[in-house]
Amino acid sequence: MLIKIMQLDKFTDYALRVLVTLAVRAPDRVAAAEIARLYGLSANHLAKVATALVRTGFVNSERGRGGGLRLARPACGINIGAVLRSLKQTEPVAECFSSEGICLIAPACGLRAPLAEAQEAFFASLDRYTLADVTKSKAPLLALLTP
């Protein structure tokens, strides 16, 4: 049985960085390429992250001159747990949660319920925080996130 420890992958890590940057730089629009440069990340990969954040309704995107990314709602209305759930909803914590996964002991194993409970506890802990909560140190963050 393959068990993954709940951790952020690069995609969700980068998504949180995008949201923090947009919260600190609000109401300005910020280009995905600029955010990628700030963090020293691949612009191509960050564009995929931005697309996911737009698709899930946390970010708005505007093309063209003066365009860029902006939070779709105030930072106080963006829940960190909800962001991670929306981005990781298809990633199972263990093979037995996957539709493709076939585990030899699945019919008799008692781990499924405790693992589901642990995964929910991970998200529930993050549900207590909004983007506004994690960007309270706005001035120091702004100094770090302004080119």
N, C-alpha and C. Protein backbone atom coordinates (compact mmCIF):
# COMPACT_ATOMS: atom_id res chain seq x y z
N MET A 1 0.85 -1.17 0.00
CA MET A 1 0.00 0.00 0.00
C MET A 1 0.90 1.24 0.00
N LEU A 2 0.69 2.08 -0.95
CA LEU A 2 1.44 3.33 -1.05
C LEU A 2 0.71 4.38 -0.23
N ILE A 3 1.41 4.96 0.75
CA ILE A 3 0.82 6.01 1.58
C ILE A 3 1.65 7.27 1.41
N LYS A 4 0.99 8.36 1.08
CA LYS A 4 1.67 9.65 0.95
C LYS A 4 1.44 10.43 2.23
N ILE A 5 2.49 11.03 2.72
CA ILE A 5 2.34 11.92 3.86
C ILE A 5 1.78 13.23 3.33
N MET A 6 0.80 13.80 4.03
CA MET A 6 0.21 15.05 3.55
C MET A 6 1.28 16.13 3.54
N GLN A 7 1.58 16.57 2.36
CA GLN A 7 2.54 17.64 2.21
C GLN A 7 2.17 18.43 0.96
N LEU A 8 2.67 19.63 0.90
CA LEU A 8 2.40 20.45 -0.27
C LEU A 8 3.36 20.05 -1.38
N ASP A 9 2.82 19.85 -2.56
CA ASP A 9 3.70 19.63 -3.71
C ASP A 9 4.09 21.02 -4.24
N LYS A 10 4.94 21.03 -5.23
CA LYS A 10 5.40 22.32 -5.77
C LYS A 10 4.24 23.13 -6.33
N PHE A 11 3.29 22.45 -6.95
CA PHE A 11 2.16 23.15 -7.56
C PHE A 11 1.37 23.94 -6.52
N THR A 12 1.02 23.30 -5.40
CA THR A 12 0.25 24.00 -4.37
C THR A 12 1.11 25.03 -3.64
N ASP A 13 2.38 24.74 -3.47
CA ASP A 13 3.30 25.71 -2.87
C ASP A 13 3.33 26.98 -3.73
N TYR A 14 3.49 26.80 -5.02
CA TYR A 14 3.54 27.94 -5.93
C TYR A 14 2.21 28.68 -5.96
N ALA A 15 1.10 27.95 -5.88
CA ALA A 15 -0.22 28.59 -5.85
C ALA A 15 -0.36 29.49 -4.64
N LEU A 16 0.10 29.02 -3.49
CA LEU A 16 0.05 29.85 -2.29
C LEU A 16 0.94 31.07 -2.42
N ARG A 17 2.10 30.91 -3.06
CA ARG A 17 2.99 32.06 -3.28
C ARG A 17 2.33 33.10 -4.18
N VAL A 18 1.64 32.63 -5.22
CA VAL A 18 0.93 33.55 -6.13
C VAL A 18 -0.12 34.32 -5.33
N LEU A 19 -0.91 33.60 -4.53
CA LEU A 19 -1.97 34.26 -3.76
C LEU A 19 -1.40 35.26 -2.75
N VAL A 20 -0.32 34.91 -2.08
CA VAL A 20 0.31 35.84 -1.13
C VAL A 20 0.78 37.09 -1.86
N THR A 21 1.41 36.90 -3.01
CA THR A 21 1.90 38.04 -3.78
C THR A 21 0.75 38.95 -4.20
N LEU A 22 -0.33 38.35 -4.69
CA LEU A 22 -1.47 39.15 -5.13
C LEU A 22 -2.15 39.85 -3.96
N ALA A 23 -2.19 39.20 -2.80
CA ALA A 23 -2.80 39.83 -1.62
C ALA A 23 -1.99 41.04 -1.18
N VAL A 24 -0.67 40.90 -1.19
CA VAL A 24 0.21 41.98 -0.74
C VAL A 24 0.24 43.13 -1.74
N ARG A 25 0.15 42.80 -3.02
CA ARG A 25 0.24 43.83 -4.06
C ARG A 25 -1.14 44.37 -4.47
N ALA A 26 -2.21 43.88 -3.85
CA ALA A 26 -3.58 44.33 -4.18
C ALA A 26 -3.70 45.83 -3.96
N PRO A 27 -4.44 46.52 -4.78
CA PRO A 27 -5.32 46.04 -5.84
C PRO A 27 -4.63 45.96 -7.20
N ASP A 28 -3.32 46.12 -7.24
CA ASP A 28 -2.59 46.07 -8.51
C ASP A 28 -2.71 44.71 -9.17
N ARG A 29 -2.63 44.71 -10.49
CA ARG A 29 -2.52 43.46 -11.26
C ARG A 29 -1.03 43.13 -11.34
N VAL A 30 -0.73 41.85 -11.28
CA VAL A 30 0.66 41.40 -11.36
C VAL A 30 0.75 40.30 -12.40
N ALA A 31 1.69 40.43 -13.32
CA ALA A 31 1.87 39.42 -14.36
C ALA A 31 2.45 38.14 -13.75
N ALA A 32 2.00 37.01 -14.25
CA ALA A 32 2.51 35.71 -13.79
C ALA A 32 4.03 35.64 -14.01
N ALA A 33 4.50 36.20 -15.12
CA ALA A 33 5.94 36.18 -15.40
C ALA A 33 6.71 36.98 -14.34
N GLU A 34 6.13 38.06 -13.86
CA GLU A 34 6.78 38.85 -12.81
C GLU A 34 6.85 38.06 -11.50
N ILE A 35 5.77 37.37 -11.17
CA ILE A 35 5.77 36.55 -9.95
C ILE A 35 6.82 35.45 -10.08
N ALA A 36 6.90 34.84 -11.24
CA ALA A 36 7.90 33.80 -11.47
C ALA A 36 9.31 34.35 -11.27
N ARG A 37 9.58 35.55 -11.79
CA ARG A 37 10.89 36.17 -11.61
C ARG A 37 11.18 36.45 -10.14
N LEU A 38 10.19 36.97 -9.43
CA LEU A 38 10.38 37.28 -8.01
C LEU A 38 10.85 36.07 -7.21
N TYR A 39 10.24 34.92 -7.50
CA TYR A 39 10.54 33.70 -6.75
C TYR A 39 11.61 32.83 -7.41
N GLY A 40 12.07 33.22 -8.61
CA GLY A 40 13.06 32.42 -9.31
C GLY A 40 12.48 31.10 -9.81
N LEU A 41 11.24 31.15 -10.28
CA LEU A 41 10.55 29.94 -10.74
C LEU A 41 10.38 29.96 -12.25
N SER A 42 10.06 28.83 -12.81
CA SER A 42 9.78 28.72 -14.23
C SER A 42 8.50 29.48 -14.56
N ALA A 43 8.59 30.41 -15.51
CA ALA A 43 7.41 31.18 -15.92
C ALA A 43 6.35 30.27 -16.52
N ASN A 44 6.79 29.25 -17.23
CA ASN A 44 5.87 28.30 -17.85
C ASN A 44 5.07 27.55 -16.78
N HIS A 45 5.76 27.07 -15.75
CA HIS A 45 5.10 26.33 -14.68
C HIS A 45 4.17 27.25 -13.89
N LEU A 46 4.62 28.46 -13.63
CA LEU A 46 3.79 29.39 -12.87
C LEU A 46 2.54 29.79 -13.66
N ALA A 47 2.64 29.83 -14.97
CA ALA A 47 1.47 30.13 -15.80
C ALA A 47 0.42 29.03 -15.64
N LYS A 48 0.86 27.78 -15.52
CA LYS A 48 -0.08 26.67 -15.29
C LYS A 48 -0.75 26.80 -13.91
N VAL A 49 0.02 27.21 -12.92
CA VAL A 49 -0.52 27.42 -11.58
C VAL A 49 -1.56 28.54 -11.63
N ALA A 50 -1.22 29.63 -12.31
CA ALA A 50 -2.15 30.77 -12.42
C ALA A 50 -3.44 30.34 -13.12
N THR A 51 -3.32 29.53 -14.14
CA THR A 51 -4.49 29.04 -14.86
C THR A 51 -5.40 28.24 -13.93
N ALA A 52 -4.81 27.42 -13.08
CA ALA A 52 -5.59 26.63 -12.12
C ALA A 52 -6.28 27.54 -11.11
N LEU A 53 -5.58 28.58 -10.66
CA LEU A 53 -6.18 29.50 -9.70
C LEU A 53 -7.33 30.30 -10.32
N VAL A 54 -7.21 30.61 -11.60
CA VAL A 54 -8.30 31.29 -12.31
C VAL A 54 -9.47 30.32 -12.48
N ARG A 55 -9.17 29.09 -12.89
CA ARG A 55 -10.22 28.08 -13.10
C ARG A 55 -10.99 27.79 -11.81
N THR A 56 -10.32 27.81 -10.68
CA THR A 56 -10.98 27.50 -9.41
C THR A 56 -11.61 28.74 -8.77
N GLY A 57 -11.48 29.90 -9.41
CA GLY A 57 -12.19 31.10 -8.97
C GLY A 57 -11.51 31.93 -7.89
N PHE A 58 -10.24 31.68 -7.61
CA PHE A 58 -9.54 32.47 -6.60
C PHE A 58 -8.85 33.70 -7.19
N VAL A 59 -8.59 33.65 -8.50
CA VAL A 59 -7.85 34.72 -9.18
C VAL A 59 -8.57 35.08 -10.47
N ASN A 60 -8.50 36.37 -10.81
CA ASN A 60 -8.97 36.84 -12.11
C ASN A 60 -7.75 37.17 -12.96
N SER A 61 -7.89 36.97 -14.25
CA SER A 61 -6.80 37.26 -15.17
C SER A 61 -7.30 38.16 -16.28
N GLU A 62 -6.48 39.14 -16.62
CA GLU A 62 -6.82 40.04 -17.70
C GLU A 62 -5.64 40.09 -18.65
N ARG A 63 -5.91 39.89 -19.93
CA ARG A 63 -4.85 39.91 -20.94
C ARG A 63 -4.58 41.34 -21.42
N GLY A 64 -3.45 41.47 -22.08
CA GLY A 64 -3.13 42.72 -22.74
C GLY A 64 -2.39 43.71 -21.87
N ARG A 65 -2.19 44.89 -22.44
CA ARG A 65 -1.47 45.95 -21.75
C ARG A 65 -2.18 46.30 -20.44
N GLY A 66 -1.44 46.34 -19.38
CA GLY A 66 -2.02 46.63 -18.08
C GLY A 66 -2.73 45.43 -17.46
N GLY A 67 -2.66 44.28 -18.14
CA GLY A 67 -3.32 43.09 -17.64
C GLY A 67 -2.48 42.41 -16.57
N GLY A 68 -2.89 41.24 -16.20
CA GLY A 68 -2.19 40.47 -15.18
C GLY A 68 -3.17 39.75 -14.29
N LEU A 69 -2.69 39.34 -13.16
CA LEU A 69 -3.49 38.59 -12.21
C LEU A 69 -3.91 39.48 -11.05
N ARG A 70 -5.08 39.18 -10.51
CA ARG A 70 -5.60 39.91 -9.35
C ARG A 70 -6.49 38.93 -8.58
N LEU A 71 -6.55 39.10 -7.27
CA LEU A 71 -7.44 38.25 -6.47
C LEU A 71 -8.87 38.43 -6.95
N ALA A 72 -9.63 37.34 -6.99
CA ALA A 72 -11.02 37.39 -7.44
C ALA A 72 -11.94 37.93 -6.34
N ARG A 73 -11.46 37.89 -5.11
CA ARG A 73 -12.22 38.43 -3.97
C ARG A 73 -11.23 38.88 -2.92
N PRO A 74 -11.66 39.61 -1.92
CA PRO A 74 -10.73 40.08 -0.89
C PRO A 74 -10.01 38.90 -0.20
N ALA A 75 -8.81 39.19 0.26
CA ALA A 75 -7.98 38.16 0.91
C ALA A 75 -8.70 37.53 2.11
N CYS A 76 -9.52 38.30 2.79
CA CYS A 76 -10.26 37.76 3.95
C CYS A 76 -11.31 36.75 3.53
N GLY A 77 -11.64 36.71 2.25
CA GLY A 77 -12.63 35.77 1.74
C GLY A 77 -12.03 34.56 1.05
N ILE A 78 -10.70 34.43 1.13
CA ILE A 78 -10.03 33.28 0.51
C ILE A 78 -9.48 32.40 1.61
N ASN A 79 -10.08 31.24 1.76
CA ASN A 79 -9.72 30.29 2.80
C ASN A 79 -8.60 29.37 2.30
N ILE A 80 -7.53 29.25 3.08
CA ILE A 80 -6.37 28.44 2.67
C ILE A 80 -6.76 26.97 2.48
N GLY A 81 -7.57 26.43 3.38
CA GLY A 81 -8.01 25.04 3.24
C GLY A 81 -8.79 24.83 1.95
N ALA A 82 -9.65 25.78 1.61
CA ALA A 82 -10.43 25.68 0.38
C ALA A 82 -9.54 25.73 -0.85
N VAL A 83 -8.51 26.56 -0.81
CA VAL A 83 -7.57 26.63 -1.93
C VAL A 83 -6.91 25.28 -2.14
N LEU A 84 -6.38 24.71 -1.06
CA LEU A 84 -5.69 23.43 -1.19
C LEU A 84 -6.63 22.31 -1.60
N ARG A 85 -7.82 22.29 -1.05
CA ARG A 85 -8.80 21.27 -1.46
C ARG A 85 -9.07 21.36 -2.96
N SER A 86 -9.24 22.58 -3.46
CA SER A 86 -9.57 22.74 -4.88
C SER A 86 -8.42 22.30 -5.78
N LEU A 87 -7.20 22.46 -5.32
CA LEU A 87 -6.05 22.09 -6.14
C LEU A 87 -5.64 20.64 -5.97
N LYS A 88 -5.95 20.03 -4.83
CA LYS A 88 -5.51 18.67 -4.54
C LYS A 88 -6.65 17.67 -4.50
N GLN A 89 -7.82 18.06 -4.97
CA GLN A 89 -8.99 17.21 -4.85
C GLN A 89 -8.86 15.87 -5.56
N THR A 90 -8.03 15.78 -6.56
CA THR A 90 -7.91 14.52 -7.29
C THR A 90 -6.71 13.70 -6.84
N GLU A 91 -5.97 14.19 -5.87
CA GLU A 91 -4.77 13.47 -5.43
C GLU A 91 -5.07 12.67 -4.16
N PRO A 92 -5.10 11.35 -4.28
CA PRO A 92 -5.42 10.52 -3.11
C PRO A 92 -4.28 10.46 -2.11
N VAL A 93 -4.63 10.31 -0.84
CA VAL A 93 -3.63 10.21 0.22
C VAL A 93 -2.98 8.82 0.21
N ALA A 94 -3.71 7.83 -0.26
CA ALA A 94 -3.19 6.46 -0.34
C ALA A 94 -3.74 5.80 -1.60
N GLU A 95 -3.06 4.77 -2.03
CA GLU A 95 -3.44 4.07 -3.25
C GLU A 95 -4.88 3.56 -3.21
N CYS A 96 -5.34 3.15 -2.04
CA CYS A 96 -6.70 2.59 -1.94
C CYS A 96 -7.78 3.63 -2.18
N PHE A 97 -7.44 4.92 -2.20
CA PHE A 97 -8.41 5.98 -2.49
C PHE A 97 -8.47 6.27 -3.99
N SER A 98 -7.51 5.76 -4.71
CA SER A 98 -7.42 6.01 -6.14
C SER A 98 -8.27 5.01 -6.91
N SER A 99 -8.89 5.46 -7.99
CA SER A 99 -9.69 4.55 -8.81
C SER A 99 -8.82 3.54 -9.54
N GLU A 100 -7.56 3.89 -9.80
CA GLU A 100 -6.65 2.97 -10.49
C GLU A 100 -5.91 2.05 -9.52
N GLY A 101 -5.84 2.46 -8.27
CA GLY A 101 -5.04 1.72 -7.29
C GLY A 101 -5.67 0.39 -6.90
N ILE A 102 -4.87 -0.62 -6.97
CA ILE A 102 -5.30 -1.95 -6.54
C ILE A 102 -4.31 -2.39 -5.48
N CYS A 103 -4.77 -2.46 -4.26
CA CYS A 103 -3.91 -2.89 -3.17
C CYS A 103 -4.37 -4.28 -2.73
N LEU A 104 -3.45 -5.18 -2.56
CA LEU A 104 -3.73 -6.56 -2.18
C LEU A 104 -4.56 -6.66 -0.91
N ILE A 105 -4.28 -5.81 0.07
CA ILE A 105 -4.96 -5.94 1.36
C ILE A 105 -6.19 -5.04 1.50
N ALA A 106 -6.55 -4.30 0.46
CA ALA A 106 -7.67 -3.36 0.54
C ALA A 106 -8.96 -3.96 1.09
N PRO A 107 -9.34 -5.18 0.68
CA PRO A 107 -10.60 -5.71 1.20
C PRO A 107 -10.63 -5.92 2.72
N ALA A 108 -9.47 -6.08 3.35
CA ALA A 108 -9.44 -6.36 4.78
C ALA A 108 -8.72 -5.29 5.59
N CYS A 109 -8.20 -4.29 4.93
CA CYS A 109 -7.36 -3.29 5.60
C CYS A 109 -8.21 -2.27 6.38
N GLY A 110 -7.75 -1.92 7.54
CA GLY A 110 -8.45 -0.94 8.37
C GLY A 110 -7.84 0.44 8.32
N LEU A 111 -6.92 0.68 7.40
CA LEU A 111 -6.25 1.98 7.33
C LEU A 111 -7.05 3.05 6.58
N ARG A 112 -7.94 2.64 5.73
CA ARG A 112 -8.64 3.61 4.88
C ARG A 112 -9.33 4.70 5.71
N ALA A 113 -10.11 4.34 6.71
CA ALA A 113 -10.83 5.33 7.52
C ALA A 113 -9.87 6.24 8.29
N PRO A 114 -8.85 5.71 8.98
CA PRO A 114 -7.93 6.62 9.67
C PRO A 114 -7.17 7.55 8.73
N LEU A 115 -6.81 7.06 7.54
CA LEU A 115 -6.10 7.92 6.59
C LEU A 115 -7.01 9.02 6.06
N ALA A 116 -8.27 8.70 5.80
CA ALA A 116 -9.22 9.71 5.36
C ALA A 116 -9.42 10.75 6.45
N GLU A 117 -9.47 10.30 7.70
CA GLU A 117 -9.62 11.20 8.83
C GLU A 117 -8.41 12.12 8.96
N ALA A 118 -7.22 11.56 8.77
CA ALA A 118 -6.00 12.37 8.86
C ALA A 118 -5.94 13.40 7.75
N GLN A 119 -6.34 13.02 6.55
CA GLN A 119 -6.35 13.96 5.44
C GLN A 119 -7.33 15.10 5.72
N GLU A 120 -8.49 14.77 6.23
CA GLU A 120 -9.48 15.80 6.54
C GLU A 120 -8.98 16.71 7.66
N ALA A 121 -8.25 16.15 8.65
CA ALA A 121 -7.71 16.96 9.74
C ALA A 121 -6.68 17.96 9.20
N PHE A 122 -5.90 17.54 8.22
CA PHE A 122 -4.92 18.42 7.57
C PHE A 122 -5.64 19.63 6.96
N PHE A 123 -6.69 19.35 6.18
CA PHE A 123 -7.44 20.44 5.55
C PHE A 123 -8.19 21.27 6.59
N ALA A 124 -8.76 20.62 7.59
CA ALA A 124 -9.52 21.33 8.63
C ALA A 124 -8.63 22.32 9.38
N SER A 125 -7.39 21.95 9.61
CA SER A 125 -6.44 22.85 10.26
C SER A 125 -6.23 24.10 9.41
N LEU A 126 -6.10 23.92 8.10
CA LEU A 126 -5.89 25.04 7.19
C LEU A 126 -7.17 25.86 6.99
N ASP A 127 -8.32 25.24 7.24
CA ASP A 127 -9.60 25.95 7.13
C ASP A 127 -9.71 27.10 8.12
N ARG A 128 -8.90 27.08 9.15
CA ARG A 128 -8.96 28.13 10.18
C ARG A 128 -8.28 29.43 9.72
N TYR A 129 -7.64 29.42 8.56
CA TYR A 129 -6.86 30.58 8.11
C TYR A 129 -7.33 31.08 6.76
N THR A 130 -7.33 32.41 6.65
CA THR A 130 -7.61 33.04 5.35
C THR A 130 -6.30 33.60 4.81
N LEU A 131 -6.36 34.02 3.57
CA LEU A 131 -5.20 34.66 2.95
C LEU A 131 -4.84 35.94 3.70
N ALA A 132 -5.84 36.64 4.21
CA ALA A 132 -5.58 37.85 5.01
C ALA A 132 -4.81 37.51 6.28
N ASP A 133 -5.13 36.38 6.90
CA ASP A 133 -4.43 35.96 8.12
C ASP A 133 -2.94 35.74 7.87
N VAL A 134 -2.62 35.14 6.73
CA VAL A 134 -1.22 34.78 6.47
C VAL A 134 -0.43 35.90 5.80
N THR A 135 -1.10 37.02 5.53
CA THR A 135 -0.40 38.18 4.94
C THR A 135 -0.52 39.40 5.84
N LYS A 136 -0.64 39.18 7.13
CA LYS A 136 -0.75 40.30 8.09
C LYS A 136 0.51 41.16 8.10
N SER A 137 1.65 40.56 7.86
CA SER A 137 2.91 41.31 7.82
C SER A 137 3.08 41.93 6.44
N LYS A 138 2.13 42.75 6.06
CA LYS A 138 2.07 43.27 4.69
C LYS A 138 3.29 44.10 4.30
N ALA A 139 3.75 44.99 5.16
CA ALA A 139 4.88 45.87 4.82
C ALA A 139 6.15 45.07 4.52
N PRO A 140 6.56 44.15 5.40
CA PRO A 140 7.77 43.37 5.09
C PRO A 140 7.59 42.48 3.86
N LEU A 141 6.39 41.93 3.70
CA LEU A 141 6.14 41.11 2.51
C LEU A 141 6.21 41.97 1.24
N LEU A 142 5.62 43.16 1.30
CA LEU A 142 5.64 44.05 0.15
C LEU A 142 7.07 44.41 -0.24
N ALA A 143 7.90 44.65 0.74
CA ALA A 143 9.31 44.97 0.47
C ALA A 143 10.00 43.81 -0.23
N LEU A 144 9.64 42.59 0.12
CA LEU A 144 10.25 41.41 -0.50
C LEU A 144 9.65 41.09 -1.86
N LEU A 145 8.42 41.50 -2.09
CA LEU A 145 7.70 41.11 -3.32
C LEU A 145 7.49 42.25 -4.31
N THR A 146 8.29 43.28 -4.18
CA THR A 146 8.26 44.37 -5.13
C THR A 146 9.61 44.44 -5.82
N PRO A 147 9.59 44.37 -7.15
CA PRO A 147 10.90 44.39 -7.87
C PRO A 147 11.62 45.71 -7.74
